Amino acid sequence: MLSRFSLSKFVSLLACFATVANVSGRDTCRLTASGGDDAPQFLAAAANCGTVTIPEGTTLNISTRLNMTGMSNLKIDLEGTIFFNPDIPYWTGNAFFLPFQNQVTFWLLGGNNIELSGGGTLDGAGQAWYDAFAHNSTLLRPIILMLNEATNAVVENIRMINSPEYFNFVNECENVTYSNINLSAVSTSDNFIANTDGWDIYRSNNVTIKDSVINNGDDCVSFKPNSTNILVSNLNCNGSHGISVGSLGEFEGVFDIVQNVLAMHMANAENGARIKAFAGSGVGSGIVQNVTYQNFFVSNVDSPVVIDQCYETTTAACEEFPSNVIIQDVFFNNVFGTGSSSSVATLDCSPDARCSGINVNNLNLTGPNKEAPVYECQNVKLTGNAASLFGTCTTD
């Protein structure tokens, strides 16, 4: 990291953080605000200190991008605030780019044995981005934090507020835990907090997300391609689109995998448990296998229980070109609450037996004002003690 700075610049950075201890040969350093861009001193401290502390009452102003990939045995003790300066022209040209779905981020954090904790706040200053996006829908808005190629990483006991887009992206990681995270995105104008997913997981294995509160405007957690061995537990998702697998199979020639997922104890989502896969010509393929949604409370949600294996595909195209994303061994267990319409569960699979082993148990859902619920299914044979609620599934 220090190769990016001249010796004289590095000496000036040292004045911004104090060395307070030595742990296993690496210093513990406390940062103070410089009055300007604090990204350079933060980068320098991460490269040279075993523990980097942002003290309570300290706000670091981040005006240039943070590349902390390849770290080792690094603890970031965030007691104060990291504030990402909403300089839209700068970030438009300099945020880190991820080709998948054209995502960008302020901060890449990765390596081995990484911890971010301390009770403090990451502030994405999202309002400027929400307002700008309302007038320019092509604007790429940064993710607050992208764990990138991280192994044995822990993010816990922090707040994340007003992310311009996704709050967290987990990219090519192994053994990651998020715990006791409070996420909140709020617009002070009429412009919506679009695409403010809580977590998106991509090409990652052994990820746990637990014991957290999410107030946002899109998916609470979304499992993107090649998400395996995931546990999501005890989330309170307010205003979110719920827990989503996919959408998968979008890109021709690409095989997507989501496998071994347990999502349990979720409350107050706008949508509930969803699996989405593309069909039609010129799309990709993949498999969704061994996914369990368990103990979900939903309140006035649009779609409490959903499988859509013809996602964004016309009925005619799905019949001619069934989905090549196979869905197997899925459990919807103990989902209860209310829907915003009488249609409370829709399990629509693609023709040609592309779904199997779909289990529904202990579903207790009602429409608004206690309307009789409607359970609908297509092209799938259901098992479980709630299968009779769906009647006989139609078959194309």
Protein backbone atom coordinates (compact mmCIF):
# COMPACT_ATOMS: atom_id res chain seq x y z
CA MET A 1 0.00 0.00 0.00
CA LEU A 2 2.75 2.45 0.96
CA SER A 3 4.27 2.28 -2.49
CA ARG A 4 1.43 4.59 -3.53
CA PHE A 5 2.82 7.38 -1.40
CA SER A 6 6.13 9.20 -1.39
CA LEU A 7 8.21 9.10 1.80
CA SER A 8 7.39 12.72 2.61
CA LYS A 9 3.67 12.09 2.24
CA PHE A 10 3.90 9.03 4.45
CA VAL A 11 5.68 10.98 7.17
CA SER A 12 2.89 13.54 7.11
CA LEU A 13 0.32 10.73 7.43
CA LEU A 14 1.99 9.45 10.57
CA ALA A 15 0.94 12.64 12.30
CA CYS A 16 -2.71 11.61 11.83
CA PHE A 17 -2.54 8.38 13.78
CA ALA A 18 -0.93 7.53 17.06
CA THR A 19 0.77 4.21 17.84
CA VAL A 20 -0.46 3.00 21.22
CA ALA A 21 0.66 -0.63 21.48
CA ASN A 22 2.45 -3.45 19.76
CA VAL A 23 0.69 -6.76 19.14
CA SER A 24 2.59 -9.68 17.58
CA GLY A 25 5.04 -7.30 15.99
CA ARG A 26 2.36 -5.03 14.52
CA ASP A 27 1.26 -1.75 16.04
CA THR A 28 -2.17 -0.80 17.30
CA CYS A 29 -2.97 2.64 15.91
CA ARG A 30 -5.62 5.26 16.68
CA LEU A 31 -6.69 7.57 13.87
CA THR A 32 -7.69 11.19 14.18
CA ALA A 33 -9.50 13.25 11.57
CA SER A 34 -7.10 15.23 9.37
CA GLY A 35 -9.54 17.90 8.28
CA GLY A 36 -9.18 16.73 4.67
CA ASP A 37 -9.33 13.39 2.93
CA ASP A 38 -8.68 10.69 5.51
CA ALA A 39 -8.45 7.82 3.02
CA PRO A 40 -4.63 7.95 2.70
CA GLN A 41 -4.01 7.71 6.44
CA PHE A 42 -6.60 4.94 6.79
CA LEU A 43 -4.88 2.97 4.03
CA ALA A 44 -1.46 3.53 5.57
CA ALA A 45 -2.64 2.41 9.01
CA ALA A 46 -4.29 -0.73 7.61
CA ALA A 47 -1.04 -1.65 5.84
CA ASN A 48 1.14 -1.18 8.93
CA CYS A 49 -0.98 -1.73 12.03
CA GLY A 50 -2.48 -4.91 13.41
CA THR A 51 -5.41 -2.97 14.89
CA VAL A 52 -6.73 0.31 13.49
CA THR A 53 -9.00 2.23 15.87
CA ILE A 54 -11.33 5.04 14.83
CA PRO A 55 -12.21 6.43 18.28
CA GLU A 56 -15.69 7.37 19.40
CA GLY A 57 -16.43 10.96 18.40
CA THR A 58 -14.04 10.79 15.42
CA THR A 59 -15.36 11.03 11.86
CA LEU A 60 -13.05 10.02 9.05
CA ASN A 61 -13.86 11.79 5.80
CA ILE A 62 -13.28 9.35 2.91
CA SER A 63 -12.98 11.27 -0.33
CA THR A 64 -10.92 8.78 -2.36
CA ARG A 65 -11.34 5.05 -2.78
CA LEU A 66 -10.15 2.46 -0.27
CA ASN A 67 -8.32 -0.60 -1.59
CA MET A 68 -7.64 -2.87 1.37
CA THR A 69 -7.38 -6.17 -0.45
CA GLY A 70 -4.76 -8.71 0.54
CA MET A 71 -4.73 -7.72 4.22
CA SER A 72 -3.66 -10.22 6.88
CA ASN A 73 -4.61 -10.36 10.58
CA LEU A 74 -6.22 -6.93 10.49
CA LYS A 75 -8.75 -5.62 13.01
CA ILE A 76 -10.60 -2.38 12.32
CA ASP A 77 -12.06 -1.11 15.58
CA LEU A 78 -14.71 1.29 14.36
CA GLU A 79 -15.98 3.18 17.38
CA GLY A 80 -16.61 6.47 15.57
CA THR A 81 -17.77 7.11 11.99
CA ILE A 82 -16.45 6.51 8.50
CA PHE A 83 -18.17 9.01 6.19
CA PHE A 84 -18.02 8.61 2.41
CA ASN A 85 -17.97 12.08 0.87
CA PRO A 86 -20.76 12.24 -1.76
CA ASP A 87 -18.56 13.69 -4.51
CA ILE A 88 -20.52 12.12 -7.35
CA PRO A 89 -18.19 13.23 -10.19
CA TYR A 90 -15.17 11.71 -8.39
CA TRP A 91 -16.80 8.41 -7.54
CA THR A 92 -18.35 8.09 -11.01
CA GLY A 93 -14.86 7.88 -12.45
CA ASN A 94 -12.96 6.22 -9.62
CA ALA A 95 -15.08 3.76 -7.65
CA PHE A 96 -13.96 0.12 -7.94
CA PHE A 97 -15.88 -1.68 -10.69
CA LEU A 98 -17.26 -5.22 -10.52
CA PRO A 99 -18.50 -6.52 -13.90
CA PHE A 100 -21.30 -8.58 -12.33
CA GLN A 101 -24.43 -6.48 -12.75
CA ASN A 102 -22.22 -3.39 -13.21
CA GLN A 103 -21.60 -2.80 -9.52
CA VAL A 104 -19.17 -0.29 -8.01
CA THR A 105 -17.92 0.24 -4.47
CA PHE A 106 -16.19 2.79 -2.25
CA TRP A 107 -14.26 0.16 -0.32
CA LEU A 108 -12.65 -3.20 -1.07
CA LEU A 109 -11.72 -5.11 2.08
CA GLY A 110 -10.14 -8.54 1.81
CA GLY A 111 -7.41 -10.94 2.84
CA ASN A 112 -7.11 -13.45 5.67
CA ASN A 113 -8.35 -13.01 9.26
CA ILE A 114 -10.15 -9.69 8.93
CA GLU A 115 -12.39 -8.12 11.58
CA LEU A 116 -14.52 -4.98 11.37
CA SER A 117 -16.34 -4.18 14.62
CA GLY A 118 -16.57 -1.65 17.43
CA GLY A 119 -20.10 -0.22 17.58
CA GLY A 120 -19.48 2.65 15.17
CA THR A 121 -21.03 3.75 11.88
CA LEU A 122 -20.41 3.54 8.15
CA ASP A 123 -22.22 6.47 6.52
CA GLY A 124 -22.73 6.31 2.75
CA ALA A 125 -24.28 9.81 2.51
CA GLY A 126 -26.86 8.32 0.20
CA GLN A 127 -29.27 11.25 -0.17
CA ALA A 128 -27.22 12.95 -2.88
CA TRP A 129 -27.14 9.64 -4.75
CA TYR A 130 -30.87 8.97 -4.37
CA ASP A 131 -31.63 12.41 -5.81
CA ALA A 132 -29.12 12.08 -8.65
CA PHE A 133 -30.34 8.60 -9.59
CA ALA A 134 -33.91 9.91 -9.86
CA HIS A 135 -32.72 12.06 -12.77
CA ASN A 136 -30.17 9.62 -14.25
CA SER A 137 -31.10 5.95 -14.07
CA THR A 138 -27.74 4.93 -15.61
CA LEU A 139 -25.79 6.33 -12.65
CA LEU A 140 -23.61 3.66 -10.98
CA ARG A 141 -23.95 4.13 -7.23
CA PRO A 142 -21.31 2.73 -4.86
CA ILE A 143 -21.75 -0.08 -2.37
CA ILE A 144 -20.56 0.94 1.11
CA LEU A 145 -18.51 -2.20 1.75
CA MET A 146 -17.42 -5.03 -0.50
CA LEU A 147 -15.69 -7.96 1.14
CA ASN A 148 -13.46 -9.06 -1.71
CA GLU A 149 -11.54 -12.34 -1.72
CA ALA A 150 -11.71 -12.47 2.07
CA THR A 151 -11.12 -15.62 4.11
CA ASN A 152 -12.07 -15.89 7.80
CA ALA A 153 -13.70 -12.47 8.03
CA VAL A 154 -16.00 -11.11 10.74
CA VAL A 155 -18.12 -7.96 10.53
CA GLU A 156 -20.08 -7.34 13.72
CA ASN A 157 -21.55 -4.73 16.04
CA ILE A 158 -21.67 -1.80 13.62
CA ARG A 159 -24.25 0.49 12.01
CA MET A 160 -24.44 1.13 8.28
CA ILE A 161 -26.59 4.03 7.11
CA ASN A 162 -27.72 5.53 3.82
CA SER A 163 -25.83 3.41 1.36
CA PRO A 164 -26.13 4.77 -2.21
CA GLU A 165 -26.94 1.25 -3.42
CA TYR A 166 -26.25 -2.19 -1.84
CA PHE A 167 -24.97 -2.03 1.73
CA ASN A 168 -22.81 -5.17 1.52
CA PHE A 169 -21.47 -7.28 -1.32
CA VAL A 170 -19.67 -10.55 -0.54
CA ASN A 171 -17.45 -11.39 -3.51
CA GLU A 172 -15.37 -14.56 -3.80
CA CYS A 173 -15.13 -15.07 -0.04
CA GLU A 174 -14.80 -18.06 2.29
CA ASN A 175 -15.87 -18.29 5.95
CA VAL A 176 -17.53 -14.93 6.58
CA THR A 177 -19.78 -13.93 9.50
CA TYR A 178 -21.93 -10.84 9.88
CA SER A 179 -23.52 -10.38 13.29
CA ASN A 180 -25.45 -7.62 15.08
CA ILE A 181 -25.53 -5.24 12.12
CA ASN A 182 -28.03 -2.38 12.00
CA LEU A 183 -28.74 -1.19 8.44
CA SER A 184 -30.86 1.83 7.62
CA ALA A 185 -31.54 3.77 4.43
CA VAL A 186 -33.90 6.74 4.61
CA SER A 187 -34.65 9.36 1.97
CA THR A 188 -35.45 12.88 3.08
CA SER A 189 -36.87 13.75 -0.35
CA ASP A 190 -39.50 12.15 -2.57
CA ASN A 191 -36.80 10.11 -4.32
CA PHE A 192 -36.70 6.41 -3.55
CA ILE A 193 -33.86 4.51 -1.87
CA ALA A 194 -33.61 2.19 -4.87
CA ASN A 195 -31.57 -1.04 -4.84
CA THR A 196 -30.45 -0.70 -1.23
CA ASP A 197 -30.03 -4.45 -0.69
CA GLY A 198 -28.78 -5.46 2.73
CA TRP A 199 -26.44 -8.20 1.52
CA ASP A 200 -25.70 -9.70 -1.88
CA ILE A 201 -23.62 -12.88 -1.91
CA TYR A 202 -21.70 -13.88 -5.04
CA ARG A 203 -19.22 -16.69 -5.66
CA SER A 204 -18.82 -17.23 -1.91
CA ASN A 205 -18.94 -20.19 0.48
CA ASN A 206 -19.72 -20.54 4.19
CA VAL A 207 -21.39 -17.20 4.89
CA THR A 208 -23.43 -16.46 8.03
CA ILE A 209 -25.65 -13.40 8.47
CA LYS A 210 -27.42 -13.24 11.83
CA ASP A 211 -29.02 -11.17 14.60
CA SER A 212 -29.47 -7.96 12.60
CA VAL A 213 -32.04 -5.25 11.83
CA ILE A 214 -32.52 -4.02 8.27
CA ASN A 215 -34.55 -0.99 7.14
CA ASN A 216 -34.11 -0.65 3.40
CA GLY A 217 -35.80 -0.57 0.01
CA ASP A 218 -34.85 -3.83 -1.70
CA ASP A 219 -33.77 -7.39 -0.88
CA CYS A 220 -32.86 -8.04 2.72
CA VAL A 221 -30.47 -10.77 1.56
CA SER A 222 -29.97 -11.96 -2.01
CA PHE A 223 -28.11 -15.09 -3.05
CA LYS A 224 -26.46 -14.40 -6.37
CA PRO A 225 -24.72 -17.06 -8.52
CA ASN A 226 -22.45 -19.56 -6.79
CA SER A 227 -23.56 -18.93 -3.23
CA THR A 228 -23.08 -22.12 -1.20
CA ASN A 229 -23.43 -23.14 2.45
CA ILE A 230 -25.24 -20.04 3.68
CA LEU A 231 -26.97 -19.48 7.03
CA VAL A 232 -29.28 -16.49 7.49
CA SER A 233 -30.83 -16.28 10.96
CA ASN A 234 -32.80 -13.91 13.15
CA LEU A 235 -33.19 -10.91 10.85
CA ASN A 236 -35.77 -8.17 11.23
CA CYS A 237 -36.24 -6.95 7.64
CA ASN A 238 -38.46 -3.86 7.56
CA GLY A 239 -39.67 -2.65 4.16
CA SER A 240 -37.41 -5.08 2.35
CA HIS A 241 -38.10 -7.52 -0.46
CA GLY A 242 -37.26 -10.45 1.76
CA ILE A 243 -34.80 -13.28 1.23
CA SER A 244 -34.24 -13.97 -2.46
CA VAL A 245 -32.47 -16.66 -4.43
CA GLY A 246 -31.47 -15.13 -7.72
CA SER A 247 -32.44 -14.15 -10.15
CA LEU A 248 -30.38 -16.94 -11.75
CA GLY A 249 -29.70 -18.17 -15.26
CA GLU A 250 -29.68 -14.76 -16.86
CA PHE A 251 -26.51 -14.98 -18.93
CA GLU A 252 -26.07 -17.40 -21.83
CA GLY A 253 -23.25 -19.89 -21.36
CA VAL A 254 -23.06 -19.35 -17.58
CA PHE A 255 -24.00 -22.05 -15.02
CA ASP A 256 -25.22 -20.60 -11.72
CA ILE A 257 -25.30 -22.48 -8.41
CA VAL A 258 -27.12 -21.73 -5.14
CA GLN A 259 -26.79 -24.67 -2.79
CA ASN A 260 -27.23 -25.50 0.90
CA VAL A 261 -29.01 -22.41 2.20
CA LEU A 262 -30.88 -22.14 5.51
CA ALA A 263 -32.81 -18.92 6.11
CA MET A 264 -34.70 -18.82 9.39
CA HIS A 265 -36.34 -16.48 11.88
CA MET A 266 -37.10 -13.47 9.71
CA ALA A 267 -39.70 -10.82 10.52
CA ASN A 268 -41.54 -7.97 8.80
CA ALA A 269 -40.37 -8.30 5.21
CA GLU A 270 -42.22 -6.63 2.35
CA ASN A 271 -41.75 -9.88 0.47
CA GLY A 272 -40.98 -13.22 2.01
CA ALA A 273 -39.16 -16.23 0.58
CA ARG A 274 -38.43 -16.03 -3.14
CA ILE A 275 -36.62 -18.03 -5.80
CA LYS A 276 -36.28 -16.46 -9.25
CA ALA A 277 -34.83 -17.99 -12.44
CA PHE A 278 -34.89 -16.94 -16.07
CA ALA A 279 -36.32 -18.96 -18.94
CA GLY A 280 -36.60 -18.29 -22.67
CA SER A 281 -34.04 -18.37 -25.45
CA GLY A 282 -30.46 -17.16 -25.07
CA VAL A 283 -30.30 -17.45 -21.28
CA GLY A 284 -28.08 -19.43 -18.93
CA SER A 285 -28.46 -22.49 -16.75
CA GLY A 286 -27.82 -23.67 -13.21
CA ILE A 287 -29.14 -25.39 -10.12
CA VAL A 288 -30.85 -24.36 -6.88
CA GLN A 289 -30.58 -27.20 -4.38
CA ASN A 290 -31.24 -27.78 -0.68
CA VAL A 291 -32.73 -24.41 0.26
CA THR A 292 -34.85 -24.06 3.42
CA TYR A 293 -36.95 -21.08 4.49
CA GLN A 294 -38.07 -21.57 8.06
CA ASN A 295 -39.95 -19.50 10.68
CA PHE A 296 -40.83 -16.43 8.60
CA PHE A 297 -43.22 -13.77 9.86
CA VAL A 298 -44.52 -11.55 7.07
CA SER A 299 -46.74 -8.50 7.44
CA ASN A 300 -48.82 -7.07 4.57
CA VAL A 301 -46.34 -8.43 2.04
CA ASP A 302 -46.77 -8.57 -1.72
CA SER A 303 -45.44 -12.10 -2.13
CA PRO A 304 -45.01 -14.20 1.02
CA VAL A 305 -43.93 -17.41 -0.77
CA VAL A 306 -42.70 -17.43 -4.39
CA ILE A 307 -41.01 -19.63 -6.93
CA ASP A 308 -40.86 -17.93 -10.33
CA GLN A 309 -39.00 -20.14 -12.79
CA CYS A 310 -40.14 -18.04 -15.75
CA TYR A 311 -38.81 -14.78 -14.33
CA GLU A 312 -39.23 -11.86 -16.75
CA THR A 313 -40.21 -14.38 -19.42
CA THR A 314 -43.54 -14.56 -21.27
CA THR A 315 -45.69 -17.64 -20.86
CA ALA A 316 -45.24 -18.56 -24.51
CA ALA A 317 -41.45 -18.21 -24.38
CA CYS A 318 -41.26 -20.25 -21.16
CA GLU A 319 -43.30 -23.04 -22.74
CA GLU A 320 -41.06 -23.09 -25.81
CA PHE A 321 -37.80 -22.64 -23.90
CA PRO A 322 -38.22 -23.91 -20.31
CA SER A 323 -35.81 -22.71 -17.67
CA ASN A 324 -32.44 -24.43 -17.55
CA VAL A 325 -32.07 -23.60 -13.85
CA ILE A 326 -33.11 -26.79 -12.07
CA ILE A 327 -34.75 -26.30 -8.65
CA GLN A 328 -34.54 -29.23 -6.22
CA ASP A 329 -35.20 -29.94 -2.55
CA VAL A 330 -36.71 -26.67 -1.37
CA PHE A 331 -38.57 -26.35 1.96
CA PHE A 332 -40.98 -23.59 2.98
CA ASN A 333 -41.59 -24.30 6.68
CA ASN A 334 -43.69 -22.30 9.14
CA VAL A 335 -44.38 -19.15 7.13
CA PHE A 336 -47.13 -17.05 8.72
CA GLY A 337 -48.65 -13.58 8.57
CA THR A 338 -50.56 -11.50 6.02
CA GLY A 339 -50.32 -10.70 2.34
CA SER A 340 -51.22 -7.42 0.66
CA SER A 341 -53.62 -9.37 -1.59
CA SER A 342 -55.45 -12.65 -1.29
CA SER A 343 -52.73 -14.37 -3.35
CA VAL A 344 -50.30 -15.44 -0.63
CA ALA A 345 -48.23 -18.20 -2.23
CA THR A 346 -47.30 -18.69 -5.87
CA LEU A 347 -45.12 -21.62 -6.87
CA ASP A 348 -44.81 -21.33 -10.65
CA CYS A 349 -42.27 -23.72 -12.11
CA SER A 350 -41.20 -24.00 -15.71
CA PRO A 351 -42.60 -26.79 -17.91
CA ASP A 352 -40.74 -30.08 -18.44
CA ALA A 353 -40.33 -31.02 -14.75
CA ARG A 354 -37.72 -28.41 -13.88
CA CYS A 355 -38.78 -28.39 -10.19
CA SER A 356 -38.69 -31.37 -7.84
CA GLY A 357 -38.74 -32.00 -4.10
CA ILE A 358 -40.70 -28.83 -3.26
CA ASN A 359 -41.99 -29.12 0.32
CA VAL A 360 -44.54 -26.87 2.03
CA ASN A 361 -45.22 -27.23 5.76
CA ASN A 362 -47.19 -25.22 8.32
CA LEU A 363 -48.18 -22.30 6.11
CA ASN A 364 -50.55 -19.97 7.94
CA LEU A 365 -51.19 -16.95 5.74
CA THR A 366 -54.16 -14.65 5.19
CA GLY A 367 -55.03 -11.86 2.80
CA PRO A 368 -55.72 -8.28 3.92
CA ASN A 369 -58.62 -7.81 6.28
CA LYS A 370 -58.57 -11.57 6.90
CA GLU A 371 -59.49 -12.34 3.28
CA ALA A 372 -59.36 -16.02 2.39
CA PRO A 373 -55.87 -16.83 1.13
CA VAL A 374 -55.20 -18.13 -2.38
CA TYR A 375 -52.43 -20.68 -2.89
CA GLU A 376 -51.42 -21.28 -6.51
CA CYS A 377 -48.96 -23.62 -8.19
CA GLN A 378 -47.96 -24.74 -11.66
CA ASN A 379 -45.78 -27.49 -13.12
CA VAL A 380 -44.73 -28.89 -9.76
CA LYS A 381 -45.66 -31.77 -7.46
CA LEU A 382 -45.78 -30.56 -3.87
CA THR A 383 -45.23 -32.52 -0.68
CA GLY A 384 -45.69 -31.59 2.98
CA ASN A 385 -48.61 -30.97 5.30
CA ALA A 386 -49.60 -27.74 3.50
CA ALA A 387 -49.63 -29.25 0.00
CA SER A 388 -53.42 -29.59 0.06
CA LEU A 389 -53.77 -25.81 0.33
CA PHE A 390 -52.60 -25.53 -3.28
CA GLY A 391 -55.12 -27.99 -4.68
CA THR A 392 -54.11 -29.60 -7.97
CA CYS A 393 -51.27 -27.85 -9.76
CA THR A 394 -51.85 -27.05 -13.40
CA THR A 395 -49.37 -28.46 -15.91
CA ASP A 396 -48.29 -26.97 -19.23
